[in-house]
Structures are given as C-alpha cells and as structure tokens.
N, C-alpha and C. Protein backbone atom coordinates (compact mmCIF):
# COMPACT_ATOMS: atom_id res chain seq x y z
N MET A 1 7.95 38.87 18.52
CA MET A 1 8.12 38.75 19.95
C MET A 1 7.95 37.27 20.37
N LYS A 2 8.90 36.78 21.12
CA LYS A 2 8.83 35.41 21.62
C LYS A 2 7.80 35.34 22.75
N LYS A 3 6.97 34.34 22.70
CA LYS A 3 5.96 34.17 23.73
C LYS A 3 6.44 33.15 24.76
N MET A 4 6.09 33.39 26.01
CA MET A 4 6.53 32.52 27.11
C MET A 4 5.80 31.19 27.11
N ASN A 5 6.56 30.14 27.39
CA ASN A 5 6.00 28.82 27.66
C ASN A 5 5.72 28.74 29.15
N CYS A 6 4.96 27.73 29.55
CA CYS A 6 4.55 27.61 30.95
C CYS A 6 5.74 27.55 31.90
N TRP A 7 6.79 26.82 31.53
CA TRP A 7 7.94 26.68 32.43
C TRP A 7 8.69 27.99 32.62
N GLU A 8 8.63 28.88 31.62
CA GLU A 8 9.24 30.20 31.76
C GLU A 8 8.37 31.08 32.66
N PHE A 9 7.08 31.02 32.45
CA PHE A 9 6.13 31.81 33.23
C PHE A 9 6.16 31.40 34.70
N LYS A 10 6.12 30.09 34.93
CA LYS A 10 6.08 29.56 36.30
C LYS A 10 7.47 29.43 36.93
N GLN A 11 8.51 29.48 36.11
CA GLN A 11 9.89 29.33 36.56
C GLN A 11 10.07 28.08 37.42
N CYS A 12 9.54 26.96 36.89
CA CYS A 12 9.56 25.71 37.64
C CYS A 12 10.87 24.94 37.51
N GLY A 13 11.66 25.22 36.46
CA GLY A 13 12.91 24.52 36.27
C GLY A 13 12.78 23.12 35.70
N ARG A 14 11.59 22.77 35.21
CA ARG A 14 11.37 21.42 34.68
C ARG A 14 11.40 21.35 33.16
N GLU A 15 11.80 22.43 32.50
CA GLU A 15 11.98 22.39 31.05
C GLU A 15 13.18 21.51 30.73
N ILE A 16 13.30 21.11 29.48
CA ILE A 16 14.44 20.28 29.06
C ILE A 16 15.73 21.01 29.43
N GLY A 17 16.56 20.36 30.23
CA GLY A 17 17.81 20.96 30.70
C GLY A 17 17.65 21.90 31.87
N GLY A 18 16.45 21.98 32.44
CA GLY A 18 16.18 22.90 33.55
C GLY A 18 16.86 22.48 34.84
N ASN A 19 16.94 23.42 35.78
CA ASN A 19 17.67 23.18 37.02
C ASN A 19 16.96 22.27 38.02
N LYS A 20 15.72 21.90 37.78
CA LYS A 20 14.99 21.00 38.69
C LYS A 20 14.75 19.61 38.08
N VAL A 21 15.24 19.39 36.87
CA VAL A 21 15.00 18.13 36.17
C VAL A 21 15.57 16.95 36.96
N GLY A 22 16.76 17.09 37.52
CA GLY A 22 17.36 16.00 38.29
C GLY A 22 16.52 15.62 39.50
N GLU A 23 15.90 16.60 40.10
CA GLU A 23 15.10 16.40 41.31
C GLU A 23 13.66 15.98 41.00
N LEU A 24 13.04 16.63 40.01
CA LEU A 24 11.61 16.44 39.75
C LEU A 24 11.29 15.81 38.40
N GLY A 25 12.29 15.68 37.54
CA GLY A 25 12.06 15.15 36.20
C GLY A 25 11.65 16.25 35.24
N THR A 26 11.69 15.93 33.96
CA THR A 26 11.29 16.89 32.93
C THR A 26 9.76 16.90 32.84
N CYS A 27 9.21 18.08 32.73
CA CYS A 27 7.75 18.22 32.64
C CYS A 27 7.24 17.60 31.34
N PRO A 28 6.14 16.88 31.41
CA PRO A 28 5.56 16.31 30.19
C PRO A 28 5.21 17.37 29.14
N ALA A 29 4.83 18.56 29.55
CA ALA A 29 4.50 19.62 28.59
C ALA A 29 5.75 20.07 27.82
N ALA A 30 6.89 20.02 28.47
CA ALA A 30 8.14 20.41 27.81
C ALA A 30 8.59 19.36 26.80
N GLU A 31 8.23 18.11 27.02
CA GLU A 31 8.63 17.02 26.13
C GLU A 31 7.61 16.70 25.05
N ASP A 32 6.35 16.91 25.32
CA ASP A 32 5.26 16.53 24.42
C ASP A 32 5.24 17.46 23.20
N ARG A 33 5.51 16.91 22.03
CA ARG A 33 5.60 17.70 20.80
C ARG A 33 4.29 17.82 20.04
N ARG A 34 3.24 17.17 20.52
CA ARG A 34 1.98 17.16 19.77
C ARG A 34 1.35 18.54 19.63
N LEU A 35 1.64 19.45 20.55
CA LEU A 35 1.08 20.81 20.48
C LEU A 35 2.15 21.83 20.12
N ASP A 36 3.26 21.36 19.54
CA ASP A 36 4.34 22.27 19.17
C ASP A 36 3.82 23.33 18.20
N GLY A 37 4.08 24.57 18.52
CA GLY A 37 3.63 25.68 17.69
C GLY A 37 2.28 26.26 18.06
N VAL A 38 1.50 25.54 18.85
CA VAL A 38 0.20 26.06 19.28
C VAL A 38 0.42 27.31 20.13
N HIS A 39 -0.28 28.35 19.80
CA HIS A 39 -0.15 29.64 20.48
C HIS A 39 1.31 30.13 20.45
N ASP A 40 2.04 29.71 19.42
CA ASP A 40 3.45 30.08 19.23
C ASP A 40 4.36 29.55 20.33
N GLY A 41 4.00 28.41 20.90
CA GLY A 41 4.80 27.82 21.96
C GLY A 41 5.72 26.71 21.48
N THR A 42 6.61 26.30 22.37
CA THR A 42 7.51 25.19 22.12
C THR A 42 6.91 23.93 22.73
N ASN A 43 6.88 22.86 21.95
CA ASN A 43 6.26 21.60 22.36
C ASN A 43 4.87 21.91 22.91
N SER A 44 4.51 21.49 24.11
CA SER A 44 3.18 21.79 24.65
C SER A 44 3.23 22.89 25.70
N GLY A 45 4.21 23.76 25.57
CA GLY A 45 4.44 24.82 26.56
C GLY A 45 3.40 25.91 26.61
N ARG A 46 2.54 26.00 25.59
CA ARG A 46 1.45 26.98 25.63
C ARG A 46 0.11 26.28 25.47
N GLY A 47 0.08 25.02 25.90
CA GLY A 47 -1.14 24.24 25.97
C GLY A 47 -1.01 23.23 27.09
N CYS A 48 -0.24 23.57 28.11
CA CYS A 48 0.11 22.65 29.21
C CYS A 48 -1.11 22.11 29.94
N TRP A 49 -2.20 22.86 29.93
CA TRP A 49 -3.43 22.42 30.62
C TRP A 49 -4.01 21.17 29.98
N MET A 50 -3.57 20.85 28.78
CA MET A 50 -4.06 19.66 28.08
C MET A 50 -3.22 18.41 28.34
N VAL A 51 -2.07 18.57 28.96
CA VAL A 51 -1.11 17.48 29.10
C VAL A 51 -1.16 16.88 30.50
N ALA A 52 -1.36 15.58 30.56
CA ALA A 52 -1.40 14.88 31.85
C ALA A 52 -0.01 14.84 32.48
N GLY A 53 0.01 14.89 33.81
CA GLY A 53 1.25 14.69 34.55
C GLY A 53 2.11 15.93 34.74
N THR A 54 1.60 17.11 34.39
CA THR A 54 2.37 18.32 34.65
C THR A 54 2.48 18.52 36.16
N TYR A 55 3.47 19.25 36.57
CA TYR A 55 3.74 19.46 37.99
C TYR A 55 3.49 20.93 38.29
N CYS A 56 2.38 21.23 38.94
CA CYS A 56 2.00 22.61 39.18
C CYS A 56 1.75 22.84 40.67
N ASP A 57 2.26 23.93 41.15
CA ASP A 57 2.05 24.31 42.55
C ASP A 57 2.45 23.19 43.51
N GLY A 58 3.55 22.51 43.18
CA GLY A 58 4.08 21.49 44.08
C GLY A 58 3.42 20.14 44.01
N GLU A 59 2.51 19.93 43.04
CA GLU A 59 1.80 18.66 42.93
C GLU A 59 1.76 18.18 41.49
N VAL A 60 1.91 16.87 41.31
CA VAL A 60 1.73 16.30 39.98
C VAL A 60 0.23 16.31 39.68
N GLN A 61 -0.10 16.83 38.50
CA GLN A 61 -1.49 16.92 38.08
C GLN A 61 -1.86 15.67 37.29
N GLY A 62 -3.12 15.34 37.27
CA GLY A 62 -3.60 14.15 36.58
C GLY A 62 -3.94 14.42 35.13
N THR A 63 -4.95 13.74 34.65
CA THR A 63 -5.41 13.90 33.27
C THR A 63 -6.09 15.25 33.09
N PHE A 64 -6.38 15.60 31.87
CA PHE A 64 -7.06 16.86 31.58
C PHE A 64 -8.37 16.95 32.37
N ALA A 65 -9.14 15.87 32.38
CA ALA A 65 -10.42 15.88 33.09
C ALA A 65 -10.21 16.12 34.59
N GLN A 66 -9.16 15.56 35.16
CA GLN A 66 -8.89 15.71 36.58
C GLN A 66 -8.37 17.11 36.92
N LYS A 67 -7.61 17.71 36.04
CA LYS A 67 -6.97 18.98 36.37
C LYS A 67 -7.62 20.20 35.74
N MET A 68 -8.65 19.99 34.91
CA MET A 68 -9.26 21.06 34.14
C MET A 68 -9.65 22.27 35.00
N LYS A 69 -10.38 22.07 36.07
CA LYS A 69 -10.84 23.20 36.89
C LYS A 69 -9.67 24.01 37.44
N ARG A 70 -8.68 23.32 37.94
CA ARG A 70 -7.51 24.00 38.49
C ARG A 70 -6.78 24.79 37.41
N CYS A 71 -6.62 24.19 36.24
CA CYS A 71 -5.92 24.86 35.14
C CYS A 71 -6.68 26.10 34.66
N MET A 72 -7.99 26.03 34.62
CA MET A 72 -8.78 27.17 34.16
C MET A 72 -8.67 28.35 35.12
N GLU A 73 -8.19 28.12 36.32
CA GLU A 73 -7.98 29.18 37.31
C GLU A 73 -6.52 29.62 37.39
N CYS A 74 -5.68 29.05 36.53
CA CYS A 74 -4.24 29.30 36.56
C CYS A 74 -3.90 30.64 35.90
N ALA A 75 -2.95 31.35 36.48
CA ALA A 75 -2.52 32.64 35.93
C ALA A 75 -1.91 32.47 34.54
N PHE A 76 -1.22 31.35 34.29
CA PHE A 76 -0.63 31.15 32.96
C PHE A 76 -1.72 30.92 31.91
N TYR A 77 -2.72 30.13 32.24
CA TYR A 77 -3.84 29.90 31.33
C TYR A 77 -4.49 31.24 30.97
N ASP A 78 -4.73 32.08 31.97
CA ASP A 78 -5.31 33.40 31.74
C ASP A 78 -4.39 34.25 30.86
N HIS A 79 -3.09 34.15 31.11
CA HIS A 79 -2.09 34.90 30.33
C HIS A 79 -2.17 34.52 28.84
N VAL A 80 -2.22 33.21 28.57
CA VAL A 80 -2.28 32.75 27.18
C VAL A 80 -3.60 33.18 26.54
N ARG A 81 -4.70 33.01 27.25
CA ARG A 81 -6.01 33.42 26.70
C ARG A 81 -6.01 34.89 26.33
N GLU A 82 -5.47 35.72 27.22
CA GLU A 82 -5.44 37.17 26.97
C GLU A 82 -4.49 37.51 25.81
N GLU A 83 -3.32 36.89 25.83
CA GLU A 83 -2.33 37.17 24.80
C GLU A 83 -2.80 36.73 23.41
N GLU A 84 -3.48 35.60 23.35
CA GLU A 84 -3.94 35.05 22.06
C GLU A 84 -5.25 35.68 21.61
N SER A 85 -6.02 36.20 22.54
CA SER A 85 -7.29 36.86 22.26
C SER A 85 -8.15 36.03 21.30
N GLY A 86 -8.46 36.53 20.13
CA GLY A 86 -9.33 35.84 19.19
C GLY A 86 -8.71 34.62 18.53
N TYR A 87 -7.43 34.39 18.75
CA TYR A 87 -6.74 33.23 18.16
C TYR A 87 -6.56 32.08 19.14
N PHE A 88 -7.10 32.24 20.34
CA PHE A 88 -6.97 31.20 21.37
C PHE A 88 -7.67 29.92 20.92
N LYS A 89 -6.95 28.81 20.97
CA LYS A 89 -7.52 27.52 20.58
C LYS A 89 -8.20 26.88 21.79
N MET A 90 -9.46 26.60 21.65
CA MET A 90 -10.24 26.01 22.73
C MET A 90 -9.77 24.57 23.00
N SER A 91 -10.09 24.09 24.18
CA SER A 91 -9.64 22.77 24.62
C SER A 91 -10.08 21.65 23.68
N ALA A 92 -11.28 21.73 23.13
CA ALA A 92 -11.75 20.69 22.22
C ALA A 92 -10.87 20.59 20.98
N VAL A 93 -10.41 21.71 20.47
CA VAL A 93 -9.53 21.73 19.30
C VAL A 93 -8.19 21.10 19.67
N LEU A 94 -7.66 21.49 20.83
CA LEU A 94 -6.37 20.94 21.28
C LEU A 94 -6.48 19.44 21.54
N MET A 95 -7.60 18.99 22.08
CA MET A 95 -7.80 17.57 22.34
C MET A 95 -7.71 16.78 21.04
N ASN A 96 -8.30 17.30 19.98
CA ASN A 96 -8.22 16.63 18.68
C ASN A 96 -6.79 16.58 18.17
N MET A 97 -6.02 17.61 18.42
CA MET A 97 -4.60 17.62 18.02
C MET A 97 -3.82 16.57 18.79
N LEU A 98 -4.15 16.39 20.07
CA LEU A 98 -3.46 15.40 20.89
C LEU A 98 -3.76 13.98 20.42
N LYS A 99 -4.98 13.77 19.96
CA LYS A 99 -5.38 12.44 19.48
C LYS A 99 -4.74 12.08 18.15
N GLY A 100 -4.48 13.12 17.33
CA GLY A 100 -3.97 12.94 15.98
C GLY A 100 -2.68 12.27 15.97
C-alpha cells in the first residue's frame, strides 16, 4: 500500500509539478531528498515537520525549532505517527539523518 506524503494529505499543490508551484513555489519537503524513504515516503514527504520553510496553513514555517509545536499538533503528523506505530522515527533520529 502506498503511503501518503504531506502534499497529498494536505492537498497543497506544492509537490514537484503541482498546481500551486507557479504561485507558491515547490515545497522544500517535496524537494529535500535527505529523508527519502523515511516512513515509506518520497523525499521528505513523511518527515515534513523536520524541514525548514514548508508552507502550512497559509504560512511559511521556519526552522524545526520554530515550527515544532505547531507540527506536533498537525493532523498529518498524527496520521504518520499512527500509521507507523512502533516504527515511527523520532525527531532526534531524523535530525541526525538531515545532518548526514
């Protein structure tokens, strides 16, 4: 079963080739390949809370530290946590992958 990436869940249109790219640009999570495959996602599509500059709820989000609280309350974050259950990668693990 294919798992949804954030842009599919949120239907934001900012994925590569999406219908809002001309207006809003491509989402950094859709382009960032450092988390490709994490939680069975494409690029950083299932770890978007770790990527700076994502555009959520009509606003560009800052760094992980700046957006962490908001992301932890996001329906997509909850969706991934529930779907991954015991295989969910915690933020500290993902942060190390981003640094690598």
